[in-house]
Structure formats: C-alpha cells, structure tokens
C-alpha cells in the first residue's frame, strides 16, 4: 500500500514538474578557451527536484531527459545536483576512468556509507586495487568450485519446499533462497535463531541505504538500517579469530586468511566492512536476476522449453562448474534479463578534479550518476529495446559497443563477484527447470519499484506446476 502511494505521489509530482518545469540552466560555466560545453539541465521541483518522479518512473524519466538534453544532463536528485550520463561512450568515459578523474567514495559515502562503510565499492584508486588484490583470493576458480558445491544442497533443499500453485510468489521465494545461499556460502554455519537475527539485520541494512528520509527517526528505515549495521559488525568481529584459526571454505573464513602475492592481509575492521558489503552486493542482485529470469521465461514458454531441454540434455541434476559453458541458451536468457532489468540500475561517481565527459565541462566535486538500466533500454543502441530477445546475445549478434551491455560496471571497479553471481543464478535455474514449469497470465507485468535496480513489489506471482 505504501509503495503504491509513493508511486502515485511520485507520478503526480512528475506530471506537475512537466506542467511547470524549472528553467533550464547550465551546471557550471566552462573555463574560457577550453572548448568545452556547459552541462544542460534543470533542478526540477523545489527541494525534491526530480527524485520522486525519477525513482518511480526511471525509464520514462531517463528517456525524456535524453530527448530534451542529450546523453549528459544534470538534475536535482536525492537532495543534491547530479549529472546523469546515458550513453555507451559516456559510460565508458566514466567507468574506464583512464585519467583517474572520477572517484567512488564521495557520492557512495553520501548514499550508502553509513551502512556499507569502506566496502570495496567505496574505496579509491590504489587503496581499492590493494584491497581488490587480496579479495581476489576469494574468487579464484577453485574457490568458485567450492562455493558451487556448497550452494547446490541448499538449492535442492529449498526448491523441495516450494509449493506449486496458481499464484506462487517467485520473487519472495527467490529472496529467501538467495539469502540462505549467502548465509551458507559467505558466512558459514549459523545456528537457528541467530541465523534469523543476522539475516534480518542484513535486510534492514540494505533497506536503510534506500531510505527517502535520510535521518535516524526512531522506528524509521534509516534507523533500522543503522541498527542492522551494528548487529552485523558485532557478529562478524567476534568471530574473526576463530575463522582465521580454522580451515573453513566459506567466504568469511577465506577473507580472514586471504593475502596477496606480497603477503598483505586484511585487518579485522577491513574484514567486517567487506563482509557486510559483499552480502549486500551478492544478495539483492541475484534475487532480482533470478526472479526476472523466471518472469520472462513464464511469459515466453518457447524459451522456457528451450532452456529446459538444454538442462535435461546435460544429464546432471545439479550444475557442476565445468557445466556452465554447456548451457548457451541459458546464458543468453541470463544476459538478456540483465539487459532489460539491470539489478544495479545506476553507478555513481564524483569528480576528483575538473574534467570532461563527451565534451561537457565537469567541475571538481560534481556528483555523477551513470544510468546502466536506462541506457540498456534505449532504442539508439538496442533496436526494439523493450522486447525480450535472448538471441541478441547469440554468436551471430553481438552488442556493437563494449559498454552497451554493462550490468557489472567496468574498469577497475568492475564487479569482482560477476562470475559468482552468474554461477549462482544458473545453478538455481538449472534445478528449477527440471523440477517445475510455470507461466504468467497473459498481459501481466509486475509493478516495479526502484531499489538497487528495478524490482517487483507484488512478490511476482506465477502459476507454478510440478514436472
């Protein structure tokens, strides 16, 4: 009910903003003789800017602003001025960051710092690369093989508890499943009541970063997020030594012992920060991708049949690591789902020096929002962009620009868990296809809200049938 009310208010404010638009004006005047252009745009409504309309109508808003201002434009968002970038060339300029003009800490600290302080995404330049080198030890091929072996029993057990019916909430069920996988694979063995407490603390921390009221009002989303962060900090910190002394293969244990080629290791505080961030990064993205894959396969039974036949032909009830390359149709569906419904819809940076994007002047301190979700749904780079067409990713058809498909980001900050996430989603889908068939009603489209990316608000009901 609350989400629906916010959506209606946001849409109403958006229509009001269209009727009474704020005047267009440049973000800043370029230096004389620079040859650079001023970034065009407008703040939007007083105080709220374009925030509510932008969050409740992400795609329409991005397309409208592109038509009005082009691929680089500023707007009032989240209480500040943000330069939006919406083209493959622009995204490459920011993500590749070859001249180190754009940092992560400033804007991300503003958005999610209180809950995911000094996670890998919030570190800069050499410090980030140093932490990434150590963390890479947790995502080697042997480690990924071990994680897959650990998650397969959880997938089998949880899918065995799914109860077919005419309105099975696949998003809700996927959320429980991926949270369980994250706990098993990343945290390790957690006792009954303690597991529920830790999982709830994690959920509260994730929601805290999405709060519209960004203040610790008692009982509010922000306050619950801060409390969740404190619970997680205490849980991880008190178990570091036992994990370091043990021989566990969960990610928590691995990070406690990981070191780079020079013998550098994480401090206790580093481990706490990275564990909280990795849980967030892995859980929400996998949940959204898995649920939306199920939705598109329910809408397109011809593709569901195709990927099921592929999984059955594999002759393996559970996916092995070497099987990942033997499911090309499933990989195409995975990539097309990420294109249509990027689970990390925007990436954020802040200019650390005066610079430019596509010839537009960007002063030091400017906050940047890269709209991956919107760009991947633009007709300019993806013909018939709203159509579900996994054959876009067949061997014969490839994206023309290497950043036209960039759900995992790019450059030095490209998602370190990219292969883990793909492996997890495919492992679940492989078992799901063999156990069940499903469909969605003709014309049904799930109502969406914007969190880390667009996600369904109604649990995403499907008609689930046993096979």
Protein backbone atom coordinates (compact mmCIF):
# COMPACT_ATOMS: atom_id res chain seq x y z
CA UNK A 1 0.00 0.00 0.00
CA UNK A 2 2.77 2.44 0.99
CA UNK A 3 4.76 1.67 -2.16
CA UNK A 4 1.70 2.26 -4.31
CA UNK A 5 1.05 5.58 -2.60
CA UNK A 6 4.65 6.68 -3.15
CA UNK A 7 4.42 5.68 -6.81
CA UNK A 8 1.23 7.72 -7.25
CA UNK A 9 2.70 10.74 -5.47
CA UNK A 10 5.90 10.48 -7.50
CA UNK A 11 3.98 10.27 -10.78
CA UNK A 12 1.77 13.18 -9.78
CA UNK A 13 4.81 15.29 -8.91
CA UNK A 14 6.41 14.28 -12.19
CA UNK A 15 3.36 15.46 -14.11
CA UNK A 16 3.38 18.66 -12.09
CA UNK A 17 7.06 19.13 -12.96
CA UNK A 18 6.25 18.69 -16.63
CA UNK A 19 3.46 21.23 -16.44
CA UNK A 20 5.53 23.74 -14.50
CA UNK A 21 9.13 22.88 -15.40
CA UNK A 22 12.01 24.64 -13.73
CA UNK A 23 14.07 26.73 -16.15
CA UNK A 24 16.92 25.04 -17.98
CA UNK A 25 20.32 26.37 -16.99
CA UNK A 26 23.94 25.20 -17.21
CA UNK A 27 25.54 23.32 -14.34
CA UNK A 28 28.68 25.47 -14.49
CA UNK A 29 30.40 27.81 -16.93
CA UNK A 30 33.34 26.12 -18.69
CA UNK A 31 36.77 27.78 -18.46
CA UNK A 32 37.39 30.30 -21.21
CA UNK A 33 39.18 28.77 -24.18
CA UNK A 34 38.59 25.18 -23.03
CA UNK A 35 36.32 24.35 -25.94
CA UNK A 36 34.04 22.50 -23.56
CA UNK A 37 30.27 22.87 -23.35
CA UNK A 38 28.24 23.53 -20.25
CA UNK A 39 26.18 20.59 -18.97
CA UNK A 40 22.50 21.44 -19.57
CA UNK A 41 19.67 20.56 -17.22
CA UNK A 42 17.34 21.78 -14.51
CA UNK A 43 16.77 21.11 -10.83
CA UNK A 44 13.11 20.19 -11.03
CA UNK A 45 10.65 20.89 -8.25
CA UNK A 46 11.84 22.86 -5.20
CA UNK A 47 13.63 20.70 -2.62
CA UNK A 48 12.68 17.29 -4.07
CA UNK A 49 13.95 18.01 -7.57
CA UNK A 50 13.30 15.05 -9.89
CA UNK A 51 13.81 12.45 -7.15
CA UNK A 52 10.30 11.02 -6.75
CA UNK A 53 9.42 11.06 -10.41
CA UNK A 54 12.86 9.69 -11.32
CA UNK A 55 12.61 6.81 -8.85
CA UNK A 56 9.03 5.84 -9.70
CA UNK A 57 9.35 6.32 -13.47
CA UNK A 58 13.03 5.56 -14.03
CA UNK A 59 12.85 4.56 -17.67
CA UNK A 60 10.40 7.23 -18.82
CA UNK A 61 12.31 9.90 -16.93
CA UNK A 62 15.65 8.90 -18.46
CA UNK A 63 14.22 8.72 -21.98
CA UNK A 64 12.52 12.10 -21.62
CA UNK A 65 15.68 13.78 -20.37
CA UNK A 66 17.74 12.22 -23.14
CA UNK A 67 15.33 13.60 -25.74
CA UNK A 68 15.40 17.04 -24.12
CA UNK A 69 19.05 17.39 -23.17
CA UNK A 70 21.07 14.58 -24.75
CA UNK A 71 23.36 11.97 -23.14
CA UNK A 72 24.81 14.27 -20.45
CA UNK A 73 22.48 16.39 -18.29
CA UNK A 74 22.19 17.49 -14.69
CA UNK A 75 19.14 17.38 -12.41
CA UNK A 76 18.10 17.71 -8.78
CA UNK A 77 18.19 14.23 -7.21
CA UNK A 78 18.40 12.97 -3.63
CA UNK A 79 18.89 16.46 -2.25
CA UNK A 80 21.82 17.38 -4.47
CA UNK A 81 22.78 18.10 -8.09
CA UNK A 82 23.62 15.02 -10.14
CA UNK A 83 24.97 14.82 -13.68
CA UNK A 84 23.31 11.90 -15.42
CA UNK A 85 25.25 10.01 -18.11
CA UNK A 86 23.23 7.94 -20.55
CA UNK A 87 25.19 6.54 -23.49
CA UNK A 88 27.77 3.77 -24.04
CA UNK A 89 30.51 6.31 -24.83
CA UNK A 90 29.67 8.32 -21.73
CA UNK A 91 29.59 5.22 -19.54
CA UNK A 92 32.96 4.11 -20.91
CA UNK A 93 34.43 7.55 -20.15
CA UNK A 94 33.33 7.34 -16.51
CA UNK A 95 33.81 3.62 -15.84
CA UNK A 96 37.16 3.17 -17.61
CA UNK A 97 38.37 6.35 -15.83
CA UNK A 98 41.74 6.24 -17.58
CA UNK A 99 42.85 9.63 -16.24
CA UNK A 100 41.51 8.97 -12.71
CA UNK A 101 39.08 11.88 -12.86
CA UNK A 102 36.27 10.08 -11.04
CA UNK A 103 36.30 8.68 -7.52
CA UNK A 104 33.84 6.38 -5.78
CA UNK A 105 34.00 7.44 -2.16
CA UNK A 106 32.33 10.87 -2.27
CA UNK A 107 28.95 10.02 -3.77
CA UNK A 108 28.70 6.45 -2.48
CA UNK A 109 29.57 7.58 1.03
CA UNK A 110 26.72 10.09 0.74
CA UNK A 111 24.30 7.40 -0.46
CA UNK A 112 25.14 4.22 1.46
CA UNK A 113 28.23 4.98 3.56
CA UNK A 114 26.52 4.68 6.96
CA UNK A 115 25.53 1.09 6.15
CA UNK A 116 28.34 -0.17 3.88
CA UNK A 117 31.25 1.99 5.04
CA UNK A 118 34.55 1.15 3.31
CA UNK A 119 33.17 -1.74 1.33
CA UNK A 120 35.16 -2.46 -1.84
CA UNK A 121 32.97 -0.17 -3.95
CA UNK A 122 33.61 2.77 -1.61
CA UNK A 123 37.41 2.67 -1.81
CA UNK A 124 39.54 4.75 -4.16
CA UNK A 125 42.37 4.14 -6.61
CA UNK A 126 45.49 2.47 -5.10
CA UNK A 127 43.76 1.55 -1.85
CA UNK A 128 40.92 -0.05 -3.82
CA UNK A 129 43.35 -2.00 -6.00
CA UNK A 130 45.23 -3.22 -2.93
CA UNK A 131 42.06 -4.48 -1.27
CA UNK A 132 40.85 -5.98 -4.54
CA UNK A 133 44.07 -7.95 -4.96
CA UNK A 134 43.62 -9.52 -1.54
CA UNK A 135 39.93 -10.21 -2.09
CA UNK A 136 40.62 -11.83 -5.46
CA UNK A 137 41.87 -14.85 -3.50
CA UNK A 138 38.23 -15.46 -2.53
CA UNK A 139 37.06 -15.64 -6.17
CA UNK A 140 39.58 -17.92 -7.84
CA UNK A 141 38.38 -20.90 -9.87
CA UNK A 142 38.97 -23.42 -7.02
CA UNK A 143 37.07 -21.15 -4.61
CA UNK A 144 34.16 -20.78 -7.02
CA UNK A 145 34.04 -24.55 -7.44
CA UNK A 146 33.84 -24.90 -3.67
CA UNK A 147 31.07 -22.30 -3.38
CA UNK A 148 29.04 -24.08 -6.07
CA UNK A 149 29.42 -27.41 -4.28
CA UNK A 150 28.21 -25.73 -1.08
CA UNK A 151 25.20 -24.00 -2.61
CA UNK A 152 23.79 -26.96 -4.58
CA UNK A 153 22.44 -28.79 -1.50
CA UNK A 154 20.79 -25.57 -0.25
CA UNK A 155 19.17 -25.07 -3.67
CA UNK A 156 17.91 -28.66 -3.72
CA UNK A 157 16.53 -28.40 -0.19
CA UNK A 158 14.82 -25.04 -0.65
CA UNK A 159 13.27 -25.89 -4.01
CA UNK A 160 11.91 -29.05 -2.39
CA UNK A 161 9.92 -26.80 -0.05
CA UNK A 162 8.34 -24.74 -2.86
CA UNK A 163 4.62 -25.46 -3.08
CA UNK A 164 3.16 -25.24 -6.60
CA UNK A 165 0.02 -23.20 -7.04
CA UNK A 166 -1.73 -20.61 -9.22
CA UNK A 167 -0.10 -17.59 -7.51
CA UNK A 168 3.30 -18.72 -6.31
CA UNK A 169 5.37 -15.62 -5.31
CA UNK A 170 8.59 -16.40 -7.14
CA UNK A 171 10.38 -13.16 -6.16
CA UNK A 172 9.62 -13.69 -2.48
CA UNK A 173 10.74 -17.31 -2.66
CA UNK A 174 13.89 -16.39 -4.61
CA UNK A 175 14.74 -13.79 -1.96
CA UNK A 176 14.57 -16.41 0.80
CA UNK A 177 16.63 -18.84 -1.27
CA UNK A 178 19.42 -16.40 -2.17
CA UNK A 179 19.58 -15.14 1.41
CA UNK A 180 20.05 -18.73 2.56
CA UNK A 181 22.76 -19.27 -0.07
CA UNK A 182 24.53 -16.10 1.02
CA UNK A 183 24.46 -17.24 4.63
CA UNK A 184 25.74 -20.76 3.84
CA UNK A 185 28.39 -19.80 1.29
CA UNK A 186 29.58 -16.45 2.61
CA UNK A 187 29.08 -16.65 6.37
CA UNK A 188 29.23 -20.39 7.03
CA UNK A 189 27.37 -22.34 9.67
CA UNK A 190 24.94 -20.16 11.65
CA UNK A 191 22.74 -21.53 14.44
CA UNK A 192 18.92 -21.41 14.08
CA UNK A 193 17.63 -18.28 15.91
CA UNK A 194 20.94 -16.49 15.29
CA UNK A 195 20.57 -17.02 11.55
CA UNK A 196 17.19 -15.29 11.51
CA UNK A 197 18.61 -12.37 13.53
CA UNK A 198 21.60 -11.94 11.21
CA UNK A 199 19.51 -12.23 8.05
CA UNK A 200 17.06 -9.62 9.33
CA UNK A 201 19.91 -7.28 10.28
CA UNK A 202 21.31 -7.62 6.78
CA UNK A 203 17.91 -6.90 5.17
CA UNK A 204 17.48 -3.83 7.39
CA UNK A 205 20.93 -2.52 6.42
CA UNK A 206 20.16 -2.89 2.71
CA UNK A 207 16.82 -1.10 3.09
CA UNK A 208 18.48 1.65 5.11
CA UNK A 209 20.50 2.73 2.10
CA UNK A 210 17.26 3.13 0.14
CA UNK A 211 15.52 5.35 2.71
CA UNK A 212 13.94 8.54 1.42
CA UNK A 213 14.04 10.12 4.90
CA UNK A 214 17.79 10.07 5.46
CA UNK A 215 17.81 10.65 9.21
CA UNK A 216 17.67 8.30 12.25
CA UNK A 217 14.00 8.90 13.05
CA UNK A 218 13.03 6.29 15.70
CA UNK A 219 11.41 3.30 14.01
CA UNK A 220 12.25 4.61 10.54
CA UNK A 221 14.03 2.79 7.72
CA UNK A 222 17.27 4.71 8.24
CA UNK A 223 17.33 3.96 11.99
CA UNK A 224 16.61 0.24 11.43
CA UNK A 225 19.42 0.17 8.87
CA UNK A 226 21.91 1.64 11.33
CA UNK A 227 20.85 -0.89 13.97
CA UNK A 228 21.23 -3.71 11.41
CA UNK A 229 24.74 -2.50 10.61
CA UNK A 230 25.69 -2.54 14.31
CA UNK A 231 24.39 -6.12 14.73
CA UNK A 232 26.38 -7.31 11.72
CA UNK A 233 29.53 -5.56 12.90
CA UNK A 234 29.31 -7.26 16.28
CA UNK A 235 28.57 -10.67 14.78
CA UNK A 236 31.49 -10.66 12.35
CA UNK A 237 34.04 -9.02 14.66
CA UNK A 238 33.54 -11.54 17.47
CA UNK A 239 34.10 -14.50 15.12
CA UNK A 240 37.13 -13.36 13.13
CA UNK A 241 39.76 -15.12 15.21
CA UNK A 242 38.00 -18.48 15.17
CA UNK A 243 37.53 -18.19 11.41
CA UNK A 244 41.19 -17.24 10.95
CA UNK A 245 42.33 -20.22 13.03
CA UNK A 246 40.02 -22.68 11.29
CA UNK A 247 40.03 -24.25 7.85
CA UNK A 248 36.53 -23.26 6.68
CA UNK A 249 35.83 -22.73 2.99
CA UNK A 250 33.07 -20.10 3.37
CA UNK A 251 33.92 -16.61 2.13
CA UNK A 252 34.17 -15.22 5.69
CA UNK A 253 36.85 -17.79 6.53
CA UNK A 254 38.65 -17.17 3.23
CA UNK A 255 38.77 -13.39 3.78
CA UNK A 256 40.14 -13.90 7.28
CA UNK A 257 43.11 -15.81 5.82
CA UNK A 258 43.43 -14.20 2.37
CA UNK A 259 46.61 -12.44 1.32
CA UNK A 260 48.04 -11.05 -1.91
CA UNK A 261 51.31 -12.04 -3.59
CA UNK A 262 53.20 -9.72 -1.23
CA UNK A 263 51.67 -11.24 1.90
CA UNK A 264 49.34 -8.30 2.61
CA UNK A 265 46.22 -9.25 4.59
CA UNK A 266 43.01 -7.56 5.72
CA UNK A 267 42.70 -6.01 9.17
CA UNK A 268 39.81 -7.10 11.37
CA UNK A 269 37.98 -3.87 10.50
CA UNK A 270 38.54 -4.49 6.77
CA UNK A 271 37.03 -7.97 7.08
CA UNK A 272 33.92 -6.66 8.85
CA UNK A 273 33.41 -3.94 6.23
CA UNK A 274 33.94 -6.25 3.27
CA UNK A 275 31.67 -8.99 4.62
CA UNK A 276 28.76 -6.59 5.12
CA UNK A 277 29.24 -5.09 1.66
CA UNK A 278 29.66 -8.42 -0.16
CA UNK A 279 26.47 -9.77 1.40
CA UNK A 280 24.55 -6.77 0.07
CA UNK A 281 26.16 -6.85 -3.38
CA UNK A 282 25.56 -10.57 -3.91
CA UNK A 283 22.09 -10.98 -2.42
CA UNK A 284 19.94 -8.27 -4.00
CA UNK A 285 21.41 -8.62 -7.48
CA UNK A 286 20.99 -12.41 -7.58
CA UNK A 287 17.43 -12.21 -6.26
CA UNK A 288 16.31 -9.69 -8.87
CA UNK A 289 18.02 -11.52 -11.73
CA UNK A 290 16.67 -14.94 -10.77
CA UNK A 291 13.10 -13.71 -10.28
CA UNK A 292 13.05 -11.70 -13.51
CA UNK A 293 14.50 -14.62 -15.47
CA UNK A 294 11.60 -16.70 -14.14
CA UNK A 295 9.18 -13.95 -15.18
CA UNK A 296 10.47 -13.71 -18.75
CA UNK A 297 10.57 -17.49 -19.14
CA UNK A 298 6.97 -17.59 -17.84
CA UNK A 299 5.96 -15.03 -20.48
CA UNK A 300 7.88 -16.77 -23.24
CA UNK A 301 7.24 -20.53 -22.94
CA UNK A 302 9.19 -21.22 -26.14
CA UNK A 303 12.34 -20.04 -24.38
CA UNK A 304 11.43 -21.91 -21.21
CA UNK A 305 11.13 -25.11 -23.23
CA UNK A 306 14.42 -24.39 -24.98
CA UNK A 307 16.49 -23.86 -21.84
CA UNK A 308 14.79 -26.79 -20.06
CA UNK A 309 15.68 -29.14 -22.92
CA UNK A 310 19.25 -27.88 -22.67
CA UNK A 311 19.39 -28.58 -18.91
CA UNK A 312 17.80 -32.01 -19.29
CA UNK A 313 20.25 -32.91 -22.05
CA UNK A 314 23.09 -32.17 -19.63
CA UNK A 315 22.02 -35.24 -17.67
CA UNK A 316 23.06 -33.74 -14.33
CA UNK A 317 20.52 -32.97 -11.55
CA UNK A 318 22.86 -30.31 -10.16
CA UNK A 319 25.13 -27.95 -12.05
CA UNK A 320 28.85 -28.57 -11.89
CA UNK A 321 31.40 -25.82 -12.51
CA UNK A 322 32.51 -27.32 -15.83
CA UNK A 323 28.86 -27.42 -16.95
CA UNK A 324 28.49 -23.63 -17.00
CA UNK A 325 29.79 -23.34 -20.57
CA UNK A 326 27.47 -26.13 -21.74
CA UNK A 327 24.26 -24.08 -21.34
CA UNK A 328 24.49 -21.42 -24.08
CA UNK A 329 20.73 -20.75 -24.30
CA UNK A 330 20.51 -20.23 -20.54
CA UNK A 331 23.44 -17.82 -20.76
CA UNK A 332 21.60 -15.84 -23.45
CA UNK A 333 18.49 -15.61 -21.26
CA UNK A 334 20.67 -14.54 -18.31
CA UNK A 335 22.30 -11.75 -20.33
CA UNK A 336 19.04 -10.53 -21.87
CA UNK A 337 17.43 -10.40 -18.42
CA UNK A 338 20.34 -8.31 -17.15
CA UNK A 339 19.93 -6.02 -20.17
CA UNK A 340 16.21 -5.43 -19.70
CA UNK A 341 16.24 -5.34 -15.93
CA UNK A 342 19.74 -4.41 -14.74
CA UNK A 343 19.72 -5.27 -10.99
CA UNK A 344 22.25 -2.50 -10.32
CA UNK A 345 20.48 0.19 -12.30
CA UNK A 346 22.86 3.08 -11.64
CA UNK A 347 26.52 3.52 -10.81
CA UNK A 348 27.78 6.59 -9.00
CA UNK A 349 30.99 8.58 -9.06
CA UNK A 350 32.26 12.03 -8.04
CA UNK A 351 34.73 14.16 -9.99
CA UNK A 352 38.00 14.49 -8.04
CA UNK A 353 39.31 17.18 -10.41
CA UNK A 354 38.00 19.40 -13.19
CA UNK A 355 37.39 17.15 -16.18
CA UNK A 356 35.01 16.46 -19.08
CA UNK A 357 32.50 13.87 -20.29
CA UNK A 358 31.81 13.76 -24.03
CA UNK A 359 32.99 17.36 -24.35
CA UNK A 360 30.92 18.68 -21.42
CA UNK A 361 32.67 20.51 -18.59
CA UNK A 362 32.56 18.65 -15.25
CA UNK A 363 33.90 20.70 -12.30
CA UNK A 364 35.69 19.05 -9.37
CA UNK A 365 33.18 17.77 -6.80
CA UNK A 366 30.39 17.08 -9.32
CA UNK A 367 28.30 14.02 -8.49
CA UNK A 368 27.81 11.62 -11.42
CA UNK A 369 25.06 9.06 -11.96
CA UNK A 370 25.59 6.51 -14.74
CA UNK A 371 22.24 5.06 -15.81
CA UNK A 372 23.05 1.50 -16.90
CA UNK A 373 19.41 0.39 -16.69
CA UNK A 374 18.12 3.20 -18.90
CA UNK A 375 20.96 3.02 -21.42
CA UNK A 376 20.37 -0.71 -21.93
CA UNK A 377 16.74 0.07 -22.78
CA UNK A 378 17.42 2.86 -25.32
CA UNK A 379 16.46 2.36 -28.97
CA UNK A 380 19.59 4.22 -30.05
CA UNK A 381 21.73 1.23 -29.04
CA UNK A 382 19.25 -1.62 -28.72
CA UNK A 383 16.65 -1.83 -31.53
CA UNK A 384 13.24 -2.90 -30.22
CA UNK A 385 14.75 -2.32 -26.79
CA UNK A 386 11.70 -3.35 -24.73
CA UNK A 387 11.40 -6.73 -26.44
CA UNK A 388 12.70 -9.88 -24.71
CA UNK A 389 15.07 -11.32 -27.31
CA UNK A 390 17.87 -13.51 -25.91
CA UNK A 391 19.17 -14.13 -29.43
CA UNK A 392 20.70 -10.65 -29.20
CA UNK A 393 23.49 -12.50 -27.40
CA UNK A 394 23.90 -15.33 -29.88
CA UNK A 395 27.25 -15.82 -31.61
CA UNK A 396 25.89 -14.08 -34.71
CA UNK A 397 24.69 -10.96 -32.90
CA UNK A 398 26.88 -9.02 -30.53
CA UNK A 399 26.49 -5.52 -28.98
CA UNK A 400 28.31 -3.04 -31.21
CA UNK A 401 29.78 -1.06 -28.30
CA UNK A 402 31.54 -2.90 -25.47
CA UNK A 403 29.81 -0.71 -22.88
CA UNK A 404 26.34 -1.00 -24.43
CA UNK A 405 25.86 -4.01 -22.11
CA UNK A 406 27.44 -3.22 -18.77
CA UNK A 407 25.33 -4.55 -15.86
CA UNK A 408 28.53 -5.38 -13.96
CA UNK A 409 30.09 -1.98 -14.47
CA UNK A 410 33.55 -1.69 -15.96
CA UNK A 411 37.10 -0.58 -15.41
CA UNK A 412 38.92 -1.08 -12.11
CA UNK A 413 35.63 -1.29 -10.21
CA UNK A 414 34.02 -3.95 -12.40
CA UNK A 415 32.08 -6.29 -10.12
CA UNK A 416 34.51 -8.74 -8.52
CA UNK A 417 31.62 -11.18 -7.95
CA UNK A 418 30.46 -11.23 -11.58
CA UNK A 419 31.27 -14.90 -12.14
CA UNK A 420 29.94 -15.94 -8.74
CA UNK A 421 26.62 -14.21 -9.44
CA UNK A 422 26.20 -15.82 -12.86
CA UNK A 423 27.10 -19.21 -11.43
CA UNK A 424 24.59 -18.89 -8.58
CA UNK A 425 21.67 -17.83 -10.78
CA UNK A 426 22.35 -20.55 -13.36
CA UNK A 427 22.72 -23.22 -10.67
CA UNK A 428 19.30 -22.32 -9.26
CA UNK A 429 17.65 -22.07 -12.66
CA UNK A 430 19.12 -25.41 -13.77
CA UNK A 431 17.41 -27.21 -10.87
CA UNK A 432 14.25 -25.11 -11.10
CA UNK A 433 13.72 -26.01 -14.76
CA UNK A 434 13.98 -29.72 -14.02
CA UNK A 435 11.55 -29.61 -11.08
CA UNK A 436 8.87 -27.21 -12.32
CA UNK A 437 7.21 -25.50 -15.23
CA UNK A 438 5.47 -22.14 -14.86
CA UNK A 439 3.68 -19.39 -16.70
CA UNK A 440 2.37 -15.89 -16.05
CA UNK A 441 -1.08 -14.63 -17.06
CA UNK A 442 -1.39 -13.03 -20.47
CA UNK A 443 -0.59 -9.34 -20.26
CA UNK A 444 0.66 -9.48 -16.66
CA UNK A 445 3.53 -7.11 -15.89
CA UNK A 446 4.78 -6.88 -12.31
CA UNK A 447 4.56 -3.49 -10.61
CA UNK A 448 8.12 -2.31 -10.00
CA UNK A 449 9.91 -0.07 -7.57
CA UNK A 450 13.49 1.09 -7.71
CA UNK A 451 15.95 -0.13 -5.08
CA UNK A 452 19.42 -1.15 -6.22
CA UNK A 453 17.60 -1.52 -9.52
CA UNK A 454 14.03 -2.19 -10.64
CA UNK A 455 12.39 -4.94 -8.55
CA UNK A 456 8.82 -6.32 -8.33
CA UNK A 457 6.60 -5.16 -5.48
CA UNK A 458 3.92 -7.86 -5.60
CA UNK A 459 6.08 -10.94 -4.97
CA UNK A 460 5.85 -11.74 -8.71
CA UNK A 461 3.11 -14.41 -8.70
CA UNK A 462 3.38 -17.21 -11.29
CA UNK A 463 1.39 -20.35 -11.91
CA UNK A 464 3.89 -22.97 -10.72
CA UNK A 465 3.43 -26.61 -11.69
CA UNK A 466 5.47 -29.70 -10.76
CA UNK A 467 7.01 -31.68 -13.59
